[in-house]
Protein backbone atom coordinates (compact mmCIF):
# COMPACT_ATOMS: atom_id res chain seq x y z
CA MET A 1 -125.43 21.77 22.99
CA ARG A 2 -127.31 22.45 26.36
CA GLU A 3 -124.49 19.65 27.86
CA ASP A 4 -121.73 21.65 26.29
CA SER A 5 -122.95 24.57 27.41
CA PHE A 6 -123.45 23.11 30.76
CA SER A 7 -120.19 22.11 30.63
CA ILE A 8 -117.86 25.27 29.96
CA SER A 9 -119.97 26.64 33.03
CA LYS A 10 -118.64 24.27 35.35
CA ILE A 11 -115.47 24.37 33.63
CA LEU A 12 -115.02 28.21 34.23
CA ILE A 13 -117.41 27.48 38.03
CA ARG A 14 -113.94 24.70 38.67
CA GLY A 15 -110.80 27.15 37.03
CA ILE A 16 -111.72 29.96 38.50
CA ALA A 17 -111.81 28.79 41.26
CA HIS A 18 -108.69 27.11 41.40
CA GLY A 19 -106.41 30.69 39.53
CA ARG A 20 -108.80 33.22 41.26
CA ASN A 21 -106.48 36.08 42.88
CA ASN A 22 -109.66 37.57 44.31
CA PRO A 23 -111.22 35.70 47.26
CA LEU A 24 -114.32 36.33 45.47
CA PRO A 25 -115.96 34.65 42.54
CA PRO A 26 -116.92 36.17 39.87
CA VAL A 27 -121.13 35.67 37.63
CA LEU A 28 -120.66 33.94 35.32
CA MET A 29 -124.22 35.64 34.28
CA GLU A 30 -122.47 38.90 33.35
CA LEU A 31 -119.87 38.22 31.81
CA MET A 32 -119.24 39.60 28.38
CA VAL A 33 -118.42 38.90 24.85
CA GLY A 34 -114.88 39.55 25.14
CA CYS A 35 -113.57 39.28 28.33
CA HIS A 36 -110.92 37.31 28.89
CA ALA A 37 -108.50 40.66 28.88
CA PRO A 38 -105.14 39.90 27.09
CA ALA A 39 -102.61 37.10 28.21
CA ALA A 40 -100.28 39.75 30.74
CA GLU A 41 -96.83 38.23 30.17
CA ASP A 42 -94.60 38.32 33.84
CA ALA A 43 -91.73 36.61 32.41
CA PRO A 44 -90.45 34.98 29.32
CA GLY A 45 -92.42 32.20 28.25
CA LEU A 46 -95.13 33.39 31.20
CA ALA A 47 -98.54 34.38 31.13
CA ARG A 48 -101.50 34.98 33.14
CA HIS A 49 -104.66 34.81 31.88
CA ARG A 50 -107.60 37.26 33.44
CA LEU A 51 -111.43 37.26 32.91
CA VAL A 52 -112.58 40.46 33.44
CA GLY A 53 -116.47 40.42 34.92
CA LYS A 54 -118.16 41.77 38.20
CA VAL A 55 -118.74 40.97 41.80
CA VAL A 56 -121.97 41.19 42.72
CA LYS A 57 -121.74 39.26 46.81
CA GLY A 58 -121.29 42.36 49.24
CA ARG A 59 -120.68 44.95 46.61
CA ARG A 60 -123.30 48.06 45.73
CA TRP A 61 -126.52 47.37 43.92
CA GLY A 62 -125.02 46.15 40.23
CA GLY A 63 -121.94 45.08 41.40
CA GLU A 64 -118.50 46.47 41.03
CA ARG A 65 -116.28 45.28 37.96
CA GLU A 66 -113.26 42.74 38.84
CA GLU A 67 -110.36 41.19 37.01
CA TRP A 68 -109.60 37.13 38.05
CA VAL A 69 -106.81 34.89 37.39
CA VAL A 70 -107.49 31.58 35.69
CA VAL A 71 -106.16 29.04 34.64
CA GLU A 72 -105.76 28.87 30.92
CA GLU A 73 -108.68 25.75 30.58
CA VAL A 74 -111.36 28.85 31.63
CA VAL A 75 -109.56 30.81 28.76
CA ARG A 76 -110.62 27.49 25.96
CA ALA A 77 -113.78 27.25 27.33
CA VAL A 78 -114.45 30.77 27.31
CA THR A 79 -114.04 31.52 23.56
CA LEU A 80 -115.81 27.75 22.89
CA ALA A 81 -119.06 30.10 24.14
CA GLU A 82 -118.60 32.87 22.16
CA GLN A 83 -118.24 30.72 18.85
CA LEU A 84 -121.75 29.51 20.18
CA THR A 85 -122.93 32.37 20.44
CA ASP A 86 -124.35 34.79 18.89
CA ALA A 87 -124.13 37.72 20.80
CA GLU A 88 -122.18 40.56 19.61
CA PRO A 89 -119.11 42.12 21.88
CA GLY A 90 -119.68 43.97 24.30
CA GLN A 91 -123.29 41.47 25.44
CA LEU A 92 -123.66 38.75 27.92
CA LEU A 93 -121.85 35.72 26.69
CA PHE A 94 -124.22 33.54 28.56
CA GLY A 95 -127.56 35.04 27.24
CA SER A 96 -128.08 33.54 24.65
CA PHE A 97 -127.91 30.28 26.68
CA GLN A 98 -131.16 31.62 28.17
CA GLY A 99 -130.23 31.06 31.82
CA PHE A 100 -127.54 28.22 30.77
CA ASN A 101 -130.61 26.33 28.77
CA SER A 102 -129.59 26.89 25.57
CA ASN A 103 -132.71 26.29 23.75
CA GLY A 104 -131.88 28.25 21.03
CA ALA A 105 -128.41 26.94 20.66
CA MET A 106 -130.14 23.63 20.57
CA ALA A 107 -132.59 24.39 18.28
CA TRP A 108 -129.92 26.18 15.82
CA LEU A 109 -127.55 22.79 16.74
CA ARG A 110 -130.56 20.45 15.55
CA ARG A 111 -131.34 22.99 11.96
CA TRP A 112 -127.63 22.82 11.13
CA VAL A 113 -127.41 19.15 11.75
CA THR A 114 -130.15 19.27 9.37
CA SER A 115 -128.59 21.62 7.01
CA PRO A 116 -126.33 20.50 4.03
CA ALA A 117 -123.53 21.98 5.76
CA ASP A 118 -123.25 18.61 7.96
CA GLU A 119 -123.21 16.22 4.99
CA ARG A 120 -119.61 16.09 4.70
CA LEU A 121 -119.65 14.88 8.58
CA GLY A 122 -121.98 12.04 8.22
CA LEU A 123 -124.58 13.56 11.42
CA GLU A 124 -126.81 11.95 12.75
CA PRO A 125 -130.66 13.83 13.01
CA ILE A 126 -131.17 15.47 16.37
CA PRO A 127 -133.75 14.21 18.28
CA ASP A 128 -136.80 16.26 18.50
CA ARG A 129 -137.46 15.94 22.39
CA PRO A 130 -135.91 17.91 25.40
CA VAL A 131 -132.55 17.80 26.38
CA HIS A 132 -131.05 18.66 29.34
CA PRO A 133 -127.68 18.45 31.89
CA ARG A 134 -130.00 15.45 33.89
CA SER A 135 -129.90 13.32 30.23
CA LEU A 136 -125.58 13.33 29.87
CA ARG A 137 -126.19 12.21 33.68
CA ARG A 138 -127.83 9.90 32.46
CA THR A 139 -126.48 8.63 29.79
CA LEU A 140 -123.13 8.15 31.44
CA ALA A 141 -124.57 6.04 34.19
CA VAL A 142 -125.81 3.42 31.28
CA GLU A 143 -123.24 3.19 29.69
CA MET A 144 -121.02 3.37 32.67
CA ALA A 145 -123.10 0.26 34.08
CA ALA A 146 -122.84 -1.56 30.74
CA ARG A 147 -118.77 -1.15 31.00
CA PRO A 148 -115.97 -3.35 32.46
CA GLY A 149 -113.29 -2.05 34.81
CA GLY A 150 -114.05 -2.60 38.69
CA LEU A 151 -113.86 0.46 40.42
CA LEU A 152 -110.13 1.61 39.15
CA ALA A 153 -112.50 2.62 36.47
CA THR A 154 -115.61 3.46 37.97
CA LYS A 155 -113.44 7.12 40.26
CA LEU A 156 -111.82 7.78 37.21
CA HIS A 157 -115.16 8.72 35.79
CA PHE A 158 -116.45 10.16 39.03
CA LYS A 159 -113.47 13.17 38.66
CA HIS A 160 -115.20 13.47 35.86
CA LEU A 161 -118.87 13.54 36.97
CA SER A 162 -118.40 15.59 39.24
CA VAL A 163 -117.57 18.48 36.96
CA VAL A 164 -119.97 18.01 34.58
CA THR A 165 -123.09 16.55 36.32
CA SER A 166 -123.16 18.00 39.62
CA GLU A 167 -124.72 20.71 38.63
CA GLY A 168 -122.72 22.66 41.19
CA TYR A 169 -123.95 20.54 44.67
CA ALA A 170 -120.83 19.04 45.38
CA HIS A 171 -122.05 16.19 48.21
CA ARG A 172 -124.89 18.20 48.86
CA PRO A 173 -127.22 15.55 50.61
CA GLY A 174 -130.01 14.45 47.54
CA GLY A 175 -127.57 16.72 44.62
CA ALA A 176 -127.12 15.63 41.69
CA GLN A 177 -124.50 13.15 42.93
CA ALA A 178 -126.90 11.11 44.53
CA VAL A 179 -129.10 11.15 42.34
CA PHE A 180 -126.75 10.18 39.64
CA HIS A 181 -125.44 7.15 41.81
CA GLN A 182 -128.63 5.76 42.38
CA GLU A 183 -129.06 5.82 38.04
CA TRP A 184 -125.66 4.01 37.46
CA LYS A 185 -126.20 1.88 40.77
CA LYS A 186 -130.23 0.83 38.79
CA ALA A 187 -128.17 0.82 35.44
CA GLU A 188 -125.70 -1.48 37.09
CA ALA A 189 -128.13 -3.99 38.54
CA ASP A 190 -130.08 -4.20 34.98
CA GLU A 191 -127.31 -4.51 32.70
CA LYS A 192 -126.15 -7.80 35.83
CA MET A 193 -129.26 -8.63 34.84
CA ARG A 194 -129.31 -8.90 31.59
CA ARG A 195 -126.50 -9.99 30.80
CA THR A 196 -127.51 -13.53 33.96
CA VAL A 197 -130.03 -13.73 31.31
CA GLU A 198 -128.94 -13.93 28.53
CA ALA A 199 -125.66 -16.20 29.68
CA PHE A 200 -128.43 -18.58 31.03
CA ARG A 201 -130.41 -18.70 27.03
CA GLN A 202 -126.20 -19.44 26.32
CA PHE A 203 -126.09 -22.08 28.39
CA GLN A 204 -129.86 -23.76 26.78
CA ASP A 205 -128.92 -23.39 23.91
CA GLY A 206 -125.26 -25.71 23.59
CA GLN A 207 -123.28 -22.87 24.45
CA LEU A 208 -121.22 -23.58 27.32
CA PRO A 209 -119.62 -21.03 29.54
CA ALA A 210 -115.57 -22.16 29.82
CA GLY A 211 -113.00 -21.68 33.17
CA PRO A 212 -112.34 -22.53 36.51
CA GLY A 213 -116.37 -21.56 37.06
CA ALA A 214 -117.99 -22.93 34.42
CA ALA A 215 -119.28 -25.97 36.82
CA ALA A 216 -120.26 -24.34 39.53
CA LEU A 217 -122.74 -22.09 37.13
CA MET A 218 -123.92 -24.90 35.03
CA VAL A 219 -125.32 -26.16 38.78
CA ALA A 220 -127.23 -22.42 38.97
CA PHE A 221 -128.50 -22.72 35.83
CA ARG A 222 -129.71 -26.34 35.40
CA ALA A 223 -131.24 -25.89 39.08
CA VAL A 224 -133.30 -22.89 37.65
CA GLU A 225 -133.43 -24.97 34.30
CA ASP A 226 -136.10 -27.57 36.72
CA GLU A 227 -137.55 -25.04 38.80
CA LEU A 228 -138.87 -23.50 35.64
CA GLN A 229 -139.74 -27.10 34.24
CA GLY A 230 -141.97 -26.90 38.14
CA LEU A 231 -143.63 -24.35 36.76
CA ALA A 232 -144.85 -24.70 33.44
CA PRO A 233 -146.11 -28.91 33.66
CA ARG A 234 -148.39 -28.17 30.84
CA PRO A 235 -147.83 -26.95 27.19
CA ALA A 236 -150.37 -24.57 27.44
CA LYS A 237 -148.89 -23.10 30.04
CA VAL A 238 -145.85 -20.37 29.24
CA VAL A 239 -143.14 -19.57 31.29
CA THR A 240 -142.52 -15.98 30.96
CA ASP A 241 -139.12 -14.00 31.18
CA ARG A 242 -139.96 -12.43 34.00
CA GLN A 243 -140.28 -15.62 36.27
CA VAL A 244 -136.47 -15.55 34.75
CA GLU A 245 -134.88 -12.96 36.13
CA LEU A 246 -136.32 -14.03 38.82
CA LEU A 247 -135.30 -17.00 39.78
CA LEU A 248 -131.82 -15.59 38.33
CA LYS A 249 -131.97 -12.46 40.53
CA LYS A 250 -129.99 -14.12 43.28
CA LYS A 251 -127.39 -15.40 40.40
CA ALA A 252 -127.70 -11.89 39.14
CA ALA A 253 -126.67 -9.69 41.99
CA VAL A 254 -123.07 -11.19 42.16
CA LEU A 255 -121.98 -10.85 39.02
CA HIS A 256 -119.23 -8.82 38.39
CA PHE A 257 -118.27 -7.19 34.44
CA SER A 258 -114.56 -8.09 33.80
CA ALA A 259 -113.00 -7.56 30.47
CA ALA A 260 -112.34 -11.08 30.04
CA ASN A 261 -114.39 -12.57 32.10
CA TYR A 262 -117.44 -12.80 34.52
CA CYS A 263 -116.78 -12.68 38.19
CA TRP A 264 -119.56 -14.67 40.08
CA PHE A 265 -118.38 -12.60 43.26
CA GLU A 266 -120.45 -14.79 45.92
CA ASN A 267 -118.07 -16.58 48.69
CA PRO A 268 -115.11 -13.58 49.39
CA ALA A 269 -112.74 -16.92 50.64
CA LYS A 270 -112.88 -18.22 47.05
CA ALA A 271 -112.07 -15.21 45.80
CA LEU A 272 -108.00 -15.67 44.37
CA CYS A 273 -107.99 -11.87 44.06
CA LEU A 274 -108.70 -11.51 47.51
CA LYS A 275 -106.04 -14.49 48.08
CA LEU A 276 -103.42 -12.38 46.12
CA ALA A 277 -103.93 -9.38 48.07
CA GLY A 278 -104.18 -11.07 51.98
CA ALA A 279 -107.49 -9.72 52.57
CA LYS A 280 -109.96 -11.73 53.69
CA SER A 281 -113.67 -10.34 52.87
CA ALA A 282 -114.85 -7.78 50.76
CA ALA A 283 -117.82 -6.18 49.71
CA ALA A 284 -116.77 -6.78 45.60
CA PRO A 285 -113.77 -8.68 43.84
CA LEU A 286 -110.18 -6.95 43.45
CA THR A 287 -110.76 -6.47 39.68
CA GLY A 288 -106.93 -5.02 38.95
CA LEU A 289 -105.16 -8.90 41.08
CA CYS A 290 -108.23 -11.17 38.39
CA ASP A 291 -107.17 -13.85 37.55
CA SER A 292 -109.76 -15.40 35.49
CA SER A 293 -107.79 -18.45 34.00
CA ARG A 294 -107.54 -20.08 38.24
CA CYS A 295 -109.40 -17.97 40.66
CA PRO A 296 -113.07 -20.13 40.99
CA GLN A 297 -115.04 -18.04 40.05
CA ALA A 298 -114.40 -16.01 37.38
CA THR A 299 -116.78 -17.60 33.55
CA HIS A 300 -114.99 -16.81 30.33
CA HIS A 301 -117.76 -16.95 27.75
CA LEU A 302 -117.93 -15.95 23.89
CA LEU A 303 -118.12 -12.35 24.33
CA HIS A 304 -114.79 -12.79 26.09
CA ARG A 305 -113.26 -14.78 23.51
CA PRO A 306 -112.14 -11.71 21.62
CA VAL A 307 -109.78 -9.64 24.44
CA TRP A 308 -107.92 -13.07 24.47
CA GLN A 309 -108.11 -13.56 20.85
CA THR A 310 -105.72 -10.07 20.70
CA ALA A 311 -103.94 -10.61 23.95
CA ALA A 312 -102.83 -14.41 21.86
CA ASP A 313 -102.36 -12.32 18.66
CA ASN A 314 -100.00 -9.64 21.15
CA GLY A 315 -98.18 -12.22 22.38
CA THR A 316 -97.36 -14.28 19.16
CA ALA A 317 -96.04 -10.21 18.02
CA LEU A 318 -94.03 -10.37 21.38
CA LEU A 319 -92.49 -13.65 21.03
CA ALA A 320 -91.33 -13.04 17.40
CA SER A 321 -89.37 -10.44 17.83
CA PRO A 322 -85.46 -10.22 18.06
CA ARG A 323 -85.89 -7.84 20.29
CA ILE A 324 -87.31 -9.43 23.11
CA PRO A 325 -84.53 -10.87 25.80
CA ALA A 326 -84.78 -15.39 26.89
CA GLY A 327 -85.56 -14.43 29.85
CA GLU A 328 -88.88 -12.07 29.36
CA LYS A 329 -89.39 -15.19 26.79
CA ASN A 330 -90.12 -17.38 28.68
CA ARG A 331 -92.48 -15.61 31.23
CA LEU A 332 -94.34 -14.30 27.68
CA ARG A 333 -94.39 -18.09 26.38
CA ALA A 334 -96.04 -19.05 30.02
CA GLU A 335 -98.49 -16.31 29.41
CA HIS A 336 -99.18 -17.10 25.74
CA GLU A 337 -99.88 -20.43 26.49
CA ARG A 338 -102.47 -19.81 29.20
CA PHE A 339 -103.81 -17.50 26.22
CA MET A 340 -104.69 -19.81 24.02
CA ARG A 341 -105.30 -22.36 26.22
CA ALA A 342 -108.63 -20.02 27.08
CA LEU A 343 -109.61 -19.40 23.49
CA GLU A 344 -109.22 -23.25 23.23
CA GLU A 345 -111.50 -23.58 25.81
CA ILE A 346 -113.85 -20.70 25.59
CA GLY A 347 -113.97 -22.36 21.40
CA GLN A 348 -114.84 -25.62 22.98
CA ALA A 349 -117.47 -25.14 25.43
CA ALA A 350 -119.48 -22.77 22.64
CA GLY A 351 -119.13 -25.39 19.86
CA ILE A 352 -117.32 -22.97 17.51
CA PRO A 353 -113.81 -24.56 16.98
C-alpha cells in the first residue's frame, strides 16, 4: 500500500508536469477529495481533464486556488487515491496517507488481507514489518539482477523506475536513482556468483555444460577443483563454500545472463556478437545479436533446456503449417535443426535423455 500511494504521487507529478497549463505546479498535499473537475469537452470526442488545487510558492500565505490541465493517467491516479482513503469530500486527499507514509492505510490493508473478504482471492498474509518505498526499490533491484535481457531490458526497466523509485530526485547526485543502481549492481554480482557456483556444483555432479564454450568452462572448473584439492590434503580439513566462491570470483565477474545461454565474456575479441556488429571491444556482450550455438564463449546448461524446447516446439508447428511459404520453411527448417541439436547436446552433457 505504501508503494501504491508513493507510485500515485509519482504519476501525479509526472502527469501534471506534462499536462499543466500553469507554469507553477500545485502542492499535492493540498489536493482535496473531489479535486477532479468535470472534464470539459472542447470538441466532439476531445475532453480536457483538470485538477483543482492550490499554488503556494510565490503566493500569499495559505496559497491560492488554481486549476491545472492534466493527462488522463493523473485522473486515474486521483480516482485510485480517493478509493484508498477514508477522507470525505472536501477533506485532504493525501492527509490520510500521513505524508505519503501510508501507515494507516497499510494497517488497514493488513487487516483486510487477513479477513474473510480476501478468501476468494487467496492472498498471502502481509508480513508484519515496516514497509517503505525503498523496499520496492530493493525488490526491483534483486529481480532485475536475476533477469536476463541485457542492456535493453535494463533500459526499459529504468524508464519505469525513474518515476516509481527515484523519490523525485532524478539525476540528483547521491539520490535514490544512484542508490538503486548501486543496489542493483550488488544484487547482480551476488546472482552471478550464485549461478557460477551452481554451474560448478553441477559440473562436480556430472551435469556438464554444453555449447561452444563448454570445453573452456570445464577447463576452468577443473583448475578450481585442483586448487580445492590442494586446500584440503587431509580428510579432516573441510573446504568451505567461501573458499569455492573466492576461487570462482574471477569467472563469475565475466558471466552475463541470457534467456537461452550463459555468456562468459572474458575476451571481447572472441565474442561473435561484437564481430557481427563490427565492434572491436565492449564492456558487455550485445545480447540482441547473440548466437550461442556459434559463439565460443557461450554455454548451455540444464536450466536453459525449456527455452530451447519451446523454440523447437514452435518451429515444429510452423513447419507443419500450410500457410508458410516453401522458401520460408527452408529457413525455418535450418533453425529448427539448430534448436534440436542444442537440445540433444544439453541432454547428453547433463546425462539426461
